[in-house]
PDB file of N, CA and C in Angstrom:
ATOM      1  N   UNK A   1      14.281 -24.905  27.959  1.00  0.00           N
ATOM      2  CA  UNK A   1      13.311 -23.867  27.684  1.00  0.00           C
ATOM      3  C   UNK A   1      13.168 -22.960  28.901  1.00  0.00           C
ATOM      4  N   UNK A   2      12.875 -21.713  28.613  1.00  0.00           N
ATOM      5  CA  UNK A   2      12.655 -20.766  29.691  1.00  0.00           C
ATOM      6  C   UNK A   2      11.172 -20.700  30.015  1.00  0.00           C
ATOM      7  N   UNK A   3      10.878 -20.496  31.288  1.00  0.00           N
ATOM      8  CA  UNK A   3       9.487 -20.362  31.687  1.00  0.00           C
ATOM      9  C   UNK A   3       8.992 -18.971  31.335  1.00  0.00           C
ATOM     10  N   UNK A   4       7.733 -18.903  30.948  1.00  0.00           N
ATOM     11  CA  UNK A   4       7.123 -17.628  30.596  1.00  0.00           C
ATOM     12  C   UNK A   4       6.573 -16.996  31.859  1.00  0.00           C
ATOM     13  N   UNK A   5       6.938 -15.736  32.067  1.00  0.00           N
ATOM     14  CA  UNK A   5       6.439 -14.992  33.216  1.00  0.00           C
ATOM     15  C   UNK A   5       5.000 -14.583  32.937  1.00  0.00           C
ATOM     16  N   UNK A   6       4.070 -15.018  33.768  1.00  0.00           N
ATOM     17  CA  UNK A   6       2.657 -14.699  33.558  1.00  0.00           C
ATOM     18  C   UNK A   6       2.392 -13.207  33.676  1.00  0.00           C
ATOM     19  N   UNK A   7       3.202 -12.485  34.421  1.00  0.00           N
ATOM     20  CA  UNK A   7       3.050 -11.036  34.534  1.00  0.00           C
ATOM     21  C   UNK A   7       3.350 -10.348  33.217  1.00  0.00           C
ATOM     22  N   UNK A   8       4.243 -10.916  32.428  1.00  0.00           N
ATOM     23  CA  UNK A   8       4.583 -10.337  31.134  1.00  0.00           C
ATOM     24  C   UNK A   8       3.453 -10.529  30.136  1.00  0.00           C
ATOM     25  N   UNK A   9       2.612 -11.542  30.360  1.00  0.00           N
ATOM     26  CA  UNK A   9       1.504 -11.801  29.456  1.00  0.00           C
ATOM     27  C   UNK A   9       0.280 -10.961  29.773  1.00  0.00           C
ATOM     28  N   UNK A  10       0.270 -10.272  30.914  1.00  0.00           N
ATOM     29  CA  UNK A  10      -0.900  -9.474  31.272  1.00  0.00           C
ATOM     30  C   UNK A  10      -1.063  -8.324  30.292  1.00  0.00           C
ATOM     31  N   UNK A  11      -2.264  -7.822  30.208  1.00  0.00           N
ATOM     32  CA  UNK A  11      -2.558  -6.768  29.239  1.00  0.00           C
ATOM     33  C   UNK A  11      -2.361  -5.398  29.866  1.00  0.00           C
ATOM     34  N   UNK A  12      -1.228  -5.179  30.468  1.00  0.00           N
ATOM     35  CA  UNK A  12      -0.929  -3.894  31.082  1.00  0.00           C
ATOM     36  C   UNK A  12      -0.335  -2.940  30.078  1.00  0.00           C
ATOM     37  N   UNK A  13      -0.072  -1.713  30.530  1.00  0.00           N
ATOM     38  CA  UNK A  13       0.505  -0.711  29.640  1.00  0.00           C
ATOM     39  C   UNK A  13       2.001  -0.926  29.522  1.00  0.00           C
ATOM     40  N   UNK A  14       2.616  -0.212  28.618  1.00  0.00           N
ATOM     41  CA  UNK A  14       4.051  -0.334  28.433  1.00  0.00           C
ATOM     42  C   UNK A  14       4.423  -1.277  27.309  1.00  0.00           C
ATOM     43  N   UNK A  15       3.433  -1.869  26.668  1.00  0.00           N
ATOM     44  CA  UNK A  15       3.712  -2.789  25.578  1.00  0.00           C
ATOM     45  C   UNK A  15       3.467  -2.141  24.239  1.00  0.00           C
ATOM     46  N   UNK A  16       3.021  -2.949  23.331  1.00  0.00           N
ATOM     47  CA  UNK A  16       2.698  -2.498  21.984  1.00  0.00           C
ATOM     48  C   UNK A  16       1.465  -1.595  22.032  1.00  0.00           C
ATOM     49  N   UNK A  17       1.500  -0.427  21.391  1.00  0.00           N
ATOM     50  CA  UNK A  17       0.339   0.476  21.429  1.00  0.00           C
ATOM     51  C   UNK A  17      -0.937  -0.156  20.883  1.00  0.00           C
ATOM     52  N   UNK A  18      -0.802  -1.018  19.879  1.00  0.00           N
ATOM     53  CA  UNK A  18      -1.999  -1.675  19.346  1.00  0.00           C
ATOM     54  C   UNK A  18      -2.591  -2.628  20.371  1.00  0.00           C
ATOM     55  N   UNK A  19      -1.730  -3.338  21.077  1.00  0.00           N
ATOM     56  CA  UNK A  19      -2.211  -4.244  22.113  1.00  0.00           C
ATOM     57  C   UNK A  19      -2.862  -3.469  23.243  1.00  0.00           C
ATOM     58  N   UNK A  20      -2.277  -2.314  23.581  1.00  0.00           N
ATOM     59  CA  UNK A  20      -2.860  -1.478  24.626  1.00  0.00           C
ATOM     60  C   UNK A  20      -4.248  -0.993  24.216  1.00  0.00           C
ATOM     61  N   UNK A  21      -4.413  -0.605  22.964  1.00  0.00           N
ATOM     62  CA  UNK A  21      -5.709  -0.155  22.473  1.00  0.00           C
ATOM     63  C   UNK A  21      -6.727  -1.287  22.542  1.00  0.00           C
ATOM     64  N   UNK A  22      -6.329  -2.475  22.101  1.00  0.00           N
ATOM     65  CA  UNK A  22      -7.244  -3.617  22.162  1.00  0.00           C
ATOM     66  C   UNK A  22      -7.612  -3.934  23.605  1.00  0.00           C
ATOM     67  N   UNK A  23      -6.669  -3.796  24.508  1.00  0.00           N
ATOM     68  CA  UNK A  23      -6.938  -4.033  25.921  1.00  0.00           C
ATOM     69  C   UNK A  23      -7.964  -3.038  26.445  1.00  0.00           C
ATOM     70  N   UNK A  24      -7.824  -1.781  26.052  1.00  0.00           N
ATOM     71  CA  UNK A  24      -8.782  -0.760  26.480  1.00  0.00           C
ATOM     72  C   UNK A  24     -10.166  -1.044  25.913  1.00  0.00           C
ATOM     73  N   UNK A  25     -10.229  -1.496  24.673  1.00  0.00           N
ATOM     74  CA  UNK A  25     -11.519  -1.823  24.063  1.00  0.00           C
ATOM     75  C   UNK A  25     -12.159  -2.990  24.798  1.00  0.00           C
ATOM     76  N   UNK A  26     -11.373  -3.998  25.125  1.00  0.00           N
ATOM     77  CA  UNK A  26     -11.903  -5.152  25.850  1.00  0.00           C
ATOM     78  C   UNK A  26     -12.401  -4.757  27.236  1.00  0.00           C
ATOM     79  N   UNK A  27     -11.731  -3.783  27.852  1.00  0.00           N
ATOM     80  CA  UNK A  27     -12.125  -3.340  29.189  1.00  0.00           C
ATOM     81  C   UNK A  27     -13.362  -2.454  29.161  1.00  0.00           C
ATOM     82  N   UNK A  28     -13.839  -2.088  27.994  1.00  0.00           N
ATOM     83  CA  UNK A  28     -15.071  -1.329  27.891  1.00  0.00           C
ATOM     84  C   UNK A  28     -14.894   0.136  27.559  1.00  0.00           C
ATOM     85  N   UNK A  29     -13.709   0.558  27.173  1.00  0.00           N
ATOM     86  CA  UNK A  29     -13.501   1.944  26.782  1.00  0.00           C
ATOM     87  C   UNK A  29     -14.306   2.222  25.525  1.00  0.00           C
ATOM     88  N   UNK A  30     -15.051   3.314  25.554  1.00  0.00           N
ATOM     89  CA  UNK A  30     -15.875   3.680  24.408  1.00  0.00           C
ATOM     90  C   UNK A  30     -15.052   4.581  23.498  1.00  0.00           C
ATOM     91  N   UNK A  31     -14.970   4.206  22.233  1.00  0.00           N
ATOM     92  CA  UNK A  31     -14.224   4.990  21.259  1.00  0.00           C
ATOM     93  C   UNK A  31     -15.104   6.102  20.722  1.00  0.00           C
ATOM     94  N   UNK A  32     -14.491   7.210  20.386  1.00  0.00           N
ATOM     95  CA  UNK A  32     -15.258   8.324  19.823  1.00  0.00           C
ATOM     96  C   UNK A  32     -15.550   8.032  18.359  1.00  0.00           C
ATOM     97  N   UNK A  33     -16.715   8.434  17.877  1.00  0.00           N
ATOM     98  CA  UNK A  33     -17.039   8.195  16.464  1.00  0.00           C
ATOM     99  C   UNK A  33     -16.227   9.114  15.558  1.00  0.00           C
ATOM    100  N   UNK A  34     -15.930   8.623  14.395  1.00  0.00           N
ATOM    101  CA  UNK A  34     -15.191   9.394  13.402  1.00  0.00           C
ATOM    102  C   UNK A  34     -16.193   9.943  12.406  1.00  0.00           C
ATOM    103  N   UNK A  35     -16.059  11.223  12.076  1.00  0.00           N
ATOM    104  CA  UNK A  35     -16.986  11.848  11.137  1.00  0.00           C
ATOM    105  C   UNK A  35     -16.808  11.302   9.737  1.00  0.00           C
ATOM    106  N   UNK A  36     -17.886  11.318   8.972  1.00  0.00           N
ATOM    107  CA  UNK A  36     -17.817  10.864   7.583  1.00  0.00           C
ATOM    108  C   UNK A  36     -17.096  11.901   6.740  1.00  0.00           C
ATOM    109  N   UNK A  37     -16.292  11.432   5.836  1.00  0.00           N
ATOM    110  CA  UNK A  37     -15.615  12.321   4.899  1.00  0.00           C
ATOM    111  C   UNK A  37     -15.370  11.557   3.615  1.00  0.00           C
ATOM    112  N   UNK A  38     -15.231  12.295   2.541  1.00  0.00           N
ATOM    113  CA  UNK A  38     -14.939  11.675   1.257  1.00  0.00           C
ATOM    114  C   UNK A  38     -13.433  11.545   1.133  1.00  0.00           C
ATOM    115  N   UNK A  39     -12.911  10.354   0.875  1.00  0.00           N
ATOM    116  CA  UNK A  39     -11.457  10.172   0.832  1.00  0.00           C
ATOM    117  C   UNK A  39     -10.781  10.942  -0.290  1.00  0.00           C
ATOM    118  N   UNK A  40     -11.448  11.172  -1.405  1.00  0.00           N
ATOM    119  CA  UNK A  40     -10.824  11.856  -2.530  1.00  0.00           C
ATOM    120  C   UNK A  40     -11.190  13.331  -2.599  1.00  0.00           C
ATOM    121  N   UNK A  41     -11.885  13.865  -1.594  1.00  0.00           N
ATOM    122  CA  UNK A  41     -12.319  15.259  -1.638  1.00  0.00           C
ATOM    123  C   UNK A  41     -11.125  16.206  -1.617  1.00  0.00           C
ATOM    124  N   UNK A  42     -10.137  15.950  -0.762  1.00  0.00           N
ATOM    125  CA  UNK A  42      -8.964  16.817  -0.682  1.00  0.00           C
ATOM    126  C   UNK A  42      -8.141  16.728  -1.954  1.00  0.00           C
ATOM    127  N   UNK A  43      -8.048  15.569  -2.511  1.00  0.00           N
ATOM    128  CA  UNK A  43      -7.225  15.352  -3.693  1.00  0.00           C
ATOM    129  C   UNK A  43      -7.781  16.074  -4.914  1.00  0.00           C
ATOM    130  N   UNK A  44      -9.089  16.048  -5.053  1.00  0.00           N
ATOM    131  CA  UNK A  44      -9.684  16.659  -6.234  1.00  0.00           C
ATOM    132  C   UNK A  44      -9.627  18.174  -6.182  1.00  0.00           C
ATOM    133  N   UNK A  45      -9.527  18.753  -4.977  1.00  0.00           N
ATOM    134  CA  UNK A  45      -9.500  20.209  -4.881  1.00  0.00           C
ATOM    135  C   UNK A  45      -8.202  20.771  -5.424  1.00  0.00           C
ATOM    136  N   UNK A  46      -7.077  20.099  -5.173  1.00  0.00           N
ATOM    137  CA  UNK A  46      -5.790  20.522  -5.708  1.00  0.00           C
ATOM    138  C   UNK A  46      -5.266  21.789  -5.084  1.00  0.00           C
ATOM    139  N   UNK A  47      -5.738  22.135  -3.884  1.00  0.00           N
ATOM    140  CA  UNK A  47      -5.253  23.349  -3.241  1.00  0.00           C
ATOM    141  C   UNK A  47      -3.840  23.142  -2.745  1.00  0.00           C
ATOM    142  N   UNK A  48      -3.039  24.191  -2.808  1.00  0.00           N
ATOM    143  CA  UNK A  48      -1.628  24.079  -2.454  1.00  0.00           C
ATOM    144  C   UNK A  48      -1.442  23.853  -0.970  1.00  0.00           C
ATOM    145  N   UNK A  49      -2.373  24.273  -0.139  1.00  0.00           N
ATOM    146  CA  UNK A  49      -2.230  24.132   1.301  1.00  0.00           C
ATOM    147  C   UNK A  49      -2.635  22.779   1.822  1.00  0.00           C
ATOM    148  N   UNK A  50      -3.193  21.922   1.001  1.00  0.00           N
ATOM    149  CA  UNK A  50      -3.698  20.645   1.492  1.00  0.00           C
ATOM    150  C   UNK A  50      -2.598  19.623   1.721  1.00  0.00           C
ATOM    151  N   UNK A  51      -1.424  19.805   1.126  1.00  0.00           N
ATOM    152  CA  UNK A  51      -0.349  18.835   1.293  1.00  0.00           C
ATOM    153  C   UNK A  51      -0.469  17.654   0.356  1.00  0.00           C
ATOM    154  N   UNK A  52      -1.525  17.570  -0.397  1.00  0.00           N
ATOM    155  CA  UNK A  52      -1.754  16.438  -1.284  1.00  0.00           C
ATOM    156  C   UNK A  52      -1.252  16.704  -2.695  1.00  0.00           C
ATOM    157  N   UNK A  53      -0.869  17.933  -2.976  1.00  0.00           N
ATOM    158  CA  UNK A  53      -0.424  18.276  -4.324  1.00  0.00           C
ATOM    159  C   UNK A  53       0.826  17.492  -4.674  1.00  0.00           C
ATOM    160  N   UNK A  54       1.761  17.377  -3.741  1.00  0.00           N
ATOM    161  CA  UNK A  54       2.972  16.610  -3.979  1.00  0.00           C
ATOM    162  C   UNK A  54       2.674  15.148  -4.222  1.00  0.00           C
ATOM    163  N   UNK A  55       1.680  14.636  -3.518  1.00  0.00           N
ATOM    164  CA  UNK A  55       1.285  13.245  -3.695  1.00  0.00           C
ATOM    165  C   UNK A  55       0.724  13.031  -5.090  1.00  0.00           C
ATOM    166  N   UNK A  56      -0.100  13.968  -5.555  1.00  0.00           N
ATOM    167  CA  UNK A  56      -0.647  13.849  -6.905  1.00  0.00           C
ATOM    168  C   UNK A  56       0.455  13.923  -7.954  1.00  0.00           C
ATOM    169  N   UNK A  57       1.426  14.821  -7.749  1.00  0.00           N
ATOM    170  CA  UNK A  57       2.532  14.943  -8.696  1.00  0.00           C
ATOM    171  C   UNK A  57       3.350  13.660  -8.716  1.00  0.00           C
ATOM    172  N   UNK A  58       3.558  13.078  -7.556  1.00  0.00           N
ATOM    173  CA  UNK A  58       4.304  11.826  -7.477  1.00  0.00           C
ATOM    174  C   UNK A  58       3.539  10.701  -8.164  1.00  0.00           C
ATOM    175  N   UNK A  59       2.232  10.647  -7.934  1.00  0.00           N
ATOM    176  CA  UNK A  59       1.413   9.612  -8.574  1.00  0.00           C
ATOM    177  C   UNK A  59       1.419   9.781 -10.088  1.00  0.00           C
ATOM    178  N   UNK A  60       1.347  11.032 -10.559  1.00  0.00           N
ATOM    179  CA  UNK A  60       1.387  11.275 -12.006  1.00  0.00           C
ATOM    180  C   UNK A  60       2.725  10.862 -12.605  1.00  0.00           C
ATOM    181  N   UNK A  61       3.818  11.179 -11.912  1.00  0.00           N
ATOM    182  CA  UNK A  61       5.145  10.800 -12.403  1.00  0.00           C
ATOM    183  C   UNK A  61       5.287   9.283 -12.442  1.00  0.00           C
ATOM    184  N   UNK A  62       4.780   8.609 -11.423  1.00  0.00           N
ATOM    185  CA  UNK A  62       4.840   7.148 -11.391  1.00  0.00           C
ATOM    186  C   UNK A  62       3.996   6.550 -12.506  1.00  0.00           C
ATOM    187  N   UNK A  63       2.823   7.116 -12.747  1.00  0.00           N
ATOM    188  CA  UNK A  63       1.954   6.630 -13.816  1.00  0.00           C
ATOM    189  C   UNK A  63       2.636   6.772 -15.172  1.00  0.00           C
ATOM    190  N   UNK A  64       3.288   7.925 -15.408  1.00  0.00           N
ATOM    191  CA  UNK A  64       3.986   8.131 -16.683  1.00  0.00           C
ATOM    192  C   UNK A  64       5.155   7.159 -16.829  1.00  0.00           C
ATOM    193  N   UNK A  65       5.909   6.945 -15.743  1.00  0.00           N
ATOM    194  CA  UNK A  65       7.052   6.034 -15.805  1.00  0.00           C
ATOM    195  C   UNK A  65       6.597   4.605 -16.086  1.00  0.00           C
ATOM    196  N   UNK A  66       5.506   4.187 -15.461  1.00  0.00           N
ATOM    197  CA  UNK A  66       4.998   2.834 -15.707  1.00  0.00           C
ATOM    198  C   UNK A  66       4.465   2.684 -17.127  1.00  0.00           C
ATOM    199  N   UNK A  67       3.826   3.724 -17.648  1.00  0.00           N
ATOM    200  CA  UNK A  67       3.332   3.665 -19.024  1.00  0.00           C
ATOM    201  C   UNK A  67       4.493   3.568 -20.003  1.00  0.00           C
ATOM    202  N   UNK A  68       5.547   4.339 -19.773  1.00  0.00           N
ATOM    203  CA  UNK A  68       6.724   4.294 -20.643  1.00  0.00           C
ATOM    204  C   UNK A  68       7.385   2.920 -20.568  1.00  0.00           C
ATOM    205  N   UNK A  69       7.480   2.380 -19.374  1.00  0.00           N
ATOM    206  CA  UNK A  69       8.076   1.051 -19.204  1.00  0.00           C
ATOM    207  C   UNK A  69       7.237  -0.002 -19.926  1.00  0.00           C
ATOM    208  N   UNK A  70       5.914   0.130 -19.854  1.00  0.00           N
ATOM    209  CA  UNK A  70       5.033  -0.805 -20.555  1.00  0.00           C
ATOM    210  C   UNK A  70       5.231  -0.745 -22.057  1.00  0.00           C
ATOM    211  N   UNK A  71       5.412   0.475 -22.589  1.00  0.00           N
ATOM    212  CA  UNK A  71       5.651   0.605 -24.034  1.00  0.00           C
ATOM    213  C   UNK A  71       6.969  -0.050 -24.423  1.00  0.00           C
ATOM    214  N   UNK A  72       8.001   0.126 -23.609  1.00  0.00           N
ATOM    215  CA  UNK A  72       9.306  -0.472 -23.908  1.00  0.00           C
ATOM    216  C   UNK A  72       9.213  -1.990 -23.860  1.00  0.00           C
ATOM    217  N   UNK A  73       8.514  -2.512 -22.876  1.00  0.00           N
ATOM    218  CA  UNK A  73       8.382  -3.971 -22.748  1.00  0.00           C
ATOM    219  C   UNK A  73       7.590  -4.536 -23.921  1.00  0.00           C
ATOM    220  N   UNK A  74       6.502  -3.860 -24.311  1.00  0.00           N
ATOM    221  CA  UNK A  74       5.706  -4.347 -25.447  1.00  0.00           C
ATOM    222  C   UNK A  74       6.514  -4.330 -26.733  1.00  0.00           C
ATOM    223  N   UNK A  75       7.297  -3.267 -26.953  1.00  0.00           N
ATOM    224  CA  UNK A  75       8.086  -3.219 -28.185  1.00  0.00           C
ATOM    225  C   UNK A  75       9.183  -4.273 -28.147  1.00  0.00           C
ATOM    226  N   UNK A  76       9.717  -4.557 -26.976  1.00  0.00           N
ATOM    227  CA  UNK A  76      10.726  -5.604 -26.840  1.00  0.00           C
ATOM    228  C   UNK A  76      10.112  -6.970 -27.123  1.00  0.00           C
ATOM    229  N   UNK A  77       8.885  -7.197 -26.648  1.00  0.00           N
ATOM    230  CA  UNK A  77       8.199  -8.463 -26.898  1.00  0.00           C
ATOM    231  C   UNK A  77       7.898  -8.643 -28.377  1.00  0.00           C
ATOM    232  N   UNK A  78       7.535  -7.569 -29.060  1.00  0.00           N
ATOM    233  CA  UNK A  78       7.256  -7.661 -30.490  1.00  0.00           C
ATOM    234  C   UNK A  78       8.517  -8.003 -31.262  1.00  0.00           C
ATOM    235  N   UNK A  79       9.655  -7.432 -30.871  1.00  0.00           N
ATOM    236  CA  UNK A  79      10.919  -7.746 -31.525  1.00  0.00           C
ATOM    237  C   UNK A  79      11.287  -9.204 -31.306  1.00  0.00           C
ATOM    238  N   UNK A  80      11.054  -9.717 -30.104  1.00  0.00           N
ATOM    239  CA  UNK A  80      11.370 -11.108 -29.805  1.00  0.00           C
ATOM    240  C   UNK A  80      10.471 -12.059 -30.577  1.00  0.00           C
ATOM    241  N   UNK A  81       9.210 -11.710 -30.764  1.00  0.00           N
ATOM    242  CA  UNK A  81       8.301 -12.613 -31.468  1.00  0.00           C
ATOM    243  C   UNK A  81       8.682 -12.737 -32.938  1.00  0.00           C
ATOM    244  N   UNK A  82       9.235 -11.685 -33.534  1.00  0.00           N
ATOM    245  CA  UNK A  82       9.690 -11.765 -34.921  1.00  0.00           C
ATOM    246  C   UNK A  82      10.878 -12.707 -35.049  1.00  0.00           C
ATOM    247  N   UNK A  83      11.798 -12.647 -34.107  1.00  0.00           N
ATOM    248  CA  UNK A  83      12.987 -13.488 -34.186  1.00  0.00           C
ATOM    249  C   UNK A  83      12.680 -14.931 -33.817  1.00  0.00           C
ATOM    250  N   UNK A  84      11.622 -15.167 -33.049  1.00  0.00           N
ATOM    251  CA  UNK A  84      11.275 -16.520 -32.630  1.00  0.00           C
ATOM    252  C   UNK A  84      10.426 -17.250 -33.661  1.00  0.00           C
ATOM    253  N   UNK A  85       9.959 -16.566 -34.698  1.00  0.00           N
ATOM    254  CA  UNK A  85       9.103 -17.236 -35.673  1.00  0.00           C
ATOM    255  C   UNK A  85       9.859 -18.324 -36.426  1.00  0.00           C
ATOM    256  N   UNK A  86      11.170 -18.190 -36.581  1.00  0.00           N
ATOM    257  CA  UNK A  86      11.966 -19.210 -37.254  1.00  0.00           C
ATOM    258  C   UNK A  86      12.324 -20.346 -36.301  1.00  0.00           C
ATOM    259  N   UNK A  87      12.143 -20.138 -35.001  1.00  0.00           N
ATOM    260  CA  UNK A  87      12.504 -21.144 -34.001  1.00  0.00           C
ATOM    261  C   UNK A  87      11.257 -21.801 -33.431  1.00  0.00           C
ATOM    262  N   UNK A  88      10.475 -22.424 -34.262  1.00  0.00           N
ATOM    263  CA  UNK A  88       9.266 -23.091 -33.813  1.00  0.00           C
ATOM    264  C   UNK A  88       9.528 -24.567 -33.538  1.00  0.00           C
ATOM    265  N   UNK A  89      10.712 -24.888 -33.054  1.00  0.00           N
ATOM    266  CA  UNK A  89      11.077 -26.272 -32.785  1.00  0.00           C
ATOM    267  C   UNK A  89      10.314 -26.844 -31.597  1.00  0.00           C
ATOM    268  N   UNK A  90       9.752 -26.002 -30.763  1.00  0.00           N
ATOM    269  CA  UNK A  90       9.091 -26.470 -29.555  1.00  0.00           C
ATOM    270  C   UNK A  90       7.699 -27.011 -29.845  1.00  0.00           C
ATOM    271  N   UNK A  91       7.127 -26.702 -30.966  1.00  0.00           N
ATOM    272  CA  UNK A  91       5.788 -27.186 -31.291  1.00  0.00           C
ATOM    273  C   UNK A  91       5.879 -28.623 -31.779  1.00  0.00           C
ATOM    274  N   UNK A  92       5.127 -29.500 -31.166  1.00  0.00           N
ATOM    275  CA  UNK A  92       5.138 -30.912 -31.569  1.00  0.00           C
ATOM    276  C   UNK A  92       3.843 -31.281 -32.225  1.00  0.00           C
TER     277      UNK A  92
END
């Protein structure tokens, strides 16, 4: 086994940014407060400059694709249940 260098375990800079942030918090750095905002306010506006329009279009396309897939799966299950009605050998 290799020995662990205690200097490498120190909470100095140059490491993971999340670890550096936690180190600063532990050392007493005061974080600035974040203003309150509504998470869906930009999305509901639908303005072209917000950058969220593409996200909404993508979400709508995904929703339609999942709904279509659900319909195909349900119709496939209904077809299988008709063919399995004669194969009730598993019921004891």
